Protein backbone atom coordinates (compact mmCIF):
# COMPACT_ATOMS: atom_id res chain seq x y z
CA UNK A 1 31.00 2.59 -113.53
CA UNK A 2 29.89 6.12 -113.94
CA UNK A 3 31.35 8.82 -116.12
CA UNK A 4 31.81 12.22 -114.56
CA UNK A 5 28.24 13.11 -115.63
CA UNK A 6 26.95 10.50 -113.12
CA UNK A 7 23.47 10.22 -114.56
CA UNK A 8 20.77 8.71 -112.38
CA UNK A 9 20.32 8.18 -108.62
CA UNK A 10 23.67 6.40 -108.22
CA UNK A 11 24.15 6.78 -104.47
CA UNK A 12 20.79 5.23 -103.68
CA UNK A 13 21.26 2.51 -106.30
CA UNK A 14 24.74 1.56 -105.02
CA UNK A 15 23.50 1.55 -101.42
CA UNK A 16 20.51 -0.67 -102.24
CA UNK A 17 22.72 -3.10 -104.16
CA UNK A 18 25.17 -3.26 -101.24
CA UNK A 19 22.25 -3.91 -98.89
CA UNK A 20 21.55 -7.16 -100.80
CA UNK A 21 24.87 -8.54 -99.56
CA UNK A 22 26.68 -7.91 -102.84
CA UNK A 23 30.05 -6.14 -102.88
CA UNK A 24 29.70 -2.98 -104.94
CA UNK A 25 32.76 -1.31 -106.42
CA UNK A 26 31.63 1.99 -107.90
CA UNK A 27 33.89 4.22 -109.96
CA UNK A 28 32.72 7.81 -110.39
CA UNK A 29 35.60 9.42 -112.28
CA UNK A 30 36.14 13.04 -111.26
CA UNK A 31 32.70 13.71 -109.75
CA UNK A 32 33.89 14.63 -106.25
CA UNK A 33 30.39 15.43 -104.96
CA UNK A 34 29.10 11.97 -105.90
CA UNK A 35 32.22 10.39 -104.44
CA UNK A 36 31.62 12.27 -101.16
CA UNK A 37 27.99 11.06 -101.00
CA UNK A 38 29.04 7.47 -101.75
CA UNK A 39 31.77 7.54 -99.10
CA UNK A 40 29.18 8.74 -96.60
CA UNK A 41 26.83 5.90 -97.59
CA UNK A 42 29.77 3.46 -97.30
CA UNK A 43 30.28 4.35 -93.63
CA UNK A 44 27.11 2.33 -92.96
CA UNK A 45 27.76 -0.37 -95.58
CA UNK A 46 30.93 -2.44 -95.50
CA UNK A 47 30.15 -3.88 -98.96
CA UNK A 48 30.10 -0.49 -100.70
CA UNK A 49 33.51 0.50 -102.12
CA UNK A 50 33.50 3.90 -103.88
CA UNK A 51 36.40 5.18 -105.99
CA UNK A 52 36.92 8.59 -107.53
CA UNK A 53 39.34 8.91 -110.41
CA UNK A 54 41.67 5.90 -110.54
CA UNK A 55 44.11 4.33 -112.96
CA UNK A 56 43.13 0.89 -111.61
CA UNK A 57 40.06 0.47 -113.83
CA UNK A 58 41.31 -2.70 -115.59
CA UNK A 59 42.10 -4.43 -112.28
CA UNK A 60 38.82 -3.38 -110.67
CA UNK A 61 36.80 -4.39 -113.72
CA UNK A 62 38.61 -7.74 -113.83
CA UNK A 63 37.42 -8.39 -110.28
CA UNK A 64 33.78 -7.63 -111.19
CA UNK A 65 31.14 -10.22 -112.02
CA UNK A 66 28.89 -7.59 -113.59
CA UNK A 67 29.55 -4.12 -114.99
CA UNK A 68 26.69 -1.65 -114.57
CA UNK A 69 27.15 1.44 -116.72
CA UNK A 70 25.63 3.59 -119.44
CA UNK A 71 26.35 2.58 -123.02
CA UNK A 72 29.75 3.82 -124.17
CA UNK A 73 33.46 2.97 -124.15
CA UNK A 74 33.21 1.07 -120.86
CA UNK A 75 31.21 -1.60 -122.70
CA UNK A 76 34.16 -2.42 -124.97
CA UNK A 77 36.46 -2.71 -121.98
CA UNK A 78 34.02 -5.01 -120.18
CA UNK A 79 33.58 -7.19 -123.27
CA UNK A 80 37.33 -7.51 -123.72
CA UNK A 81 37.49 -8.91 -120.18
CA UNK A 82 34.45 -11.17 -120.63
CA UNK A 83 32.18 -9.34 -118.20
CA UNK A 84 28.40 -9.22 -118.29
CA UNK A 85 26.84 -5.78 -118.84
CA UNK A 86 23.82 -4.13 -117.31
CA UNK A 87 23.21 -0.90 -119.21
CA UNK A 88 21.41 2.05 -117.70
CA UNK A 89 19.10 3.65 -120.24
CA UNK A 90 20.04 7.24 -119.36
CA UNK A 91 21.61 8.74 -122.50
CA UNK A 92 19.22 9.85 -125.24
CA UNK A 93 20.14 10.07 -128.95
CA UNK A 94 23.49 8.41 -129.63
CA UNK A 95 23.26 6.67 -126.26
CA UNK A 96 20.22 4.74 -127.48
CA UNK A 97 22.08 3.74 -130.64
CA UNK A 98 25.02 2.52 -128.55
CA UNK A 99 22.66 0.69 -126.21
CA UNK A 100 20.95 -1.10 -129.12
CA UNK A 101 24.33 -2.12 -130.51
CA UNK A 102 25.40 -3.57 -127.17
CA UNK A 103 22.16 -5.55 -126.88
CA UNK A 104 22.69 -6.95 -130.38
CA UNK A 105 26.18 -8.13 -129.38
CA UNK A 106 24.67 -10.14 -126.49
CA UNK A 107 25.57 -10.66 -122.83
CA UNK A 108 23.99 -7.30 -122.02
CA UNK A 109 20.73 -6.28 -120.43
CA UNK A 110 19.13 -2.86 -120.19
CA UNK A 111 17.34 -1.23 -117.29
CA UNK A 112 16.00 2.18 -116.34
CA UNK A 113 17.95 4.11 -113.71
CA UNK A 114 15.34 3.42 -111.01
CA UNK A 115 17.24 1.90 -108.06
CA UNK A 116 14.74 -0.90 -107.38
CA UNK A 117 14.81 -1.99 -111.03
CA UNK A 118 18.62 -1.83 -111.18
CA UNK A 119 18.88 -4.03 -108.08
CA UNK A 120 16.42 -6.60 -109.45
CA UNK A 121 18.07 -6.64 -112.88
CA UNK A 122 21.60 -6.84 -111.46
CA UNK A 123 20.77 -9.80 -109.24
CA UNK A 124 19.12 -11.54 -112.21
CA UNK A 125 22.08 -10.80 -114.52
CA UNK A 126 24.45 -12.40 -112.01
CA UNK A 127 22.68 -15.74 -112.50
CA UNK A 128 23.37 -15.83 -116.25
CA UNK A 129 26.40 -17.53 -117.82
CA UNK A 130 29.56 -15.48 -118.12
CA UNK A 131 30.56 -14.40 -121.62
CA UNK A 132 33.97 -15.30 -122.96
CA UNK A 133 36.56 -12.55 -123.32
CA UNK A 134 36.93 -11.03 -126.77
CA UNK A 135 39.38 -12.98 -128.98
CA UNK A 136 41.54 -9.89 -129.44
CA UNK A 137 41.63 -9.09 -125.73
CA UNK A 138 45.33 -9.97 -125.49
CA UNK A 139 48.15 -7.84 -126.90
CA UNK A 140 49.10 -10.69 -129.28
CA UNK A 141 45.51 -11.08 -130.43
CA UNK A 142 45.23 -7.35 -131.03
CA UNK A 143 48.50 -7.27 -133.02
CA UNK A 144 47.39 -10.24 -135.13
CA UNK A 145 44.06 -8.59 -135.95
CA UNK A 146 45.67 -5.23 -136.66
CA UNK A 147 48.29 -6.78 -138.94
CA UNK A 148 45.58 -8.69 -140.84
CA UNK A 149 43.61 -5.46 -141.30
CA UNK A 150 46.72 -3.67 -142.62
CA UNK A 151 47.38 -6.53 -145.04
CA UNK A 152 43.81 -6.37 -146.38
CA UNK A 153 44.27 -2.72 -147.37
CA UNK A 154 47.83 -3.24 -148.68
CA UNK A 155 49.75 -1.47 -145.92
CA UNK A 156 51.63 -4.43 -144.48
């Protein structure tokens, strides 16, 4: 998953991952130039599946065995679904703080944005055990947790 900033050599990285025989679903938000380059690369790689902006993120992420992204909101979504994370170390400042937090939570690895290193790290991450989905990942679980929080502060 890539935000519209699309930091790093994503076309080359996605192509090299697809060349390993792995299906790669890559979401690039509203970056139409990156989407165009990925679609061109996909004409030679049947395992490369690029998407521009889509409202199908939950379904596509549910189908993934590994989520490769920078540290941010996508990490929470992946954790809720019980997906492993491979975090690209591409955002300085607050990105490093977010990255450290994700590593502390577990089931996440970090890698530079160099395509060869991403490929090696992704293939390694796929051999690790899958995390369990977050306990509050269901609507009922979320409501229960939210109600308990409201009760603790006297609002329920």
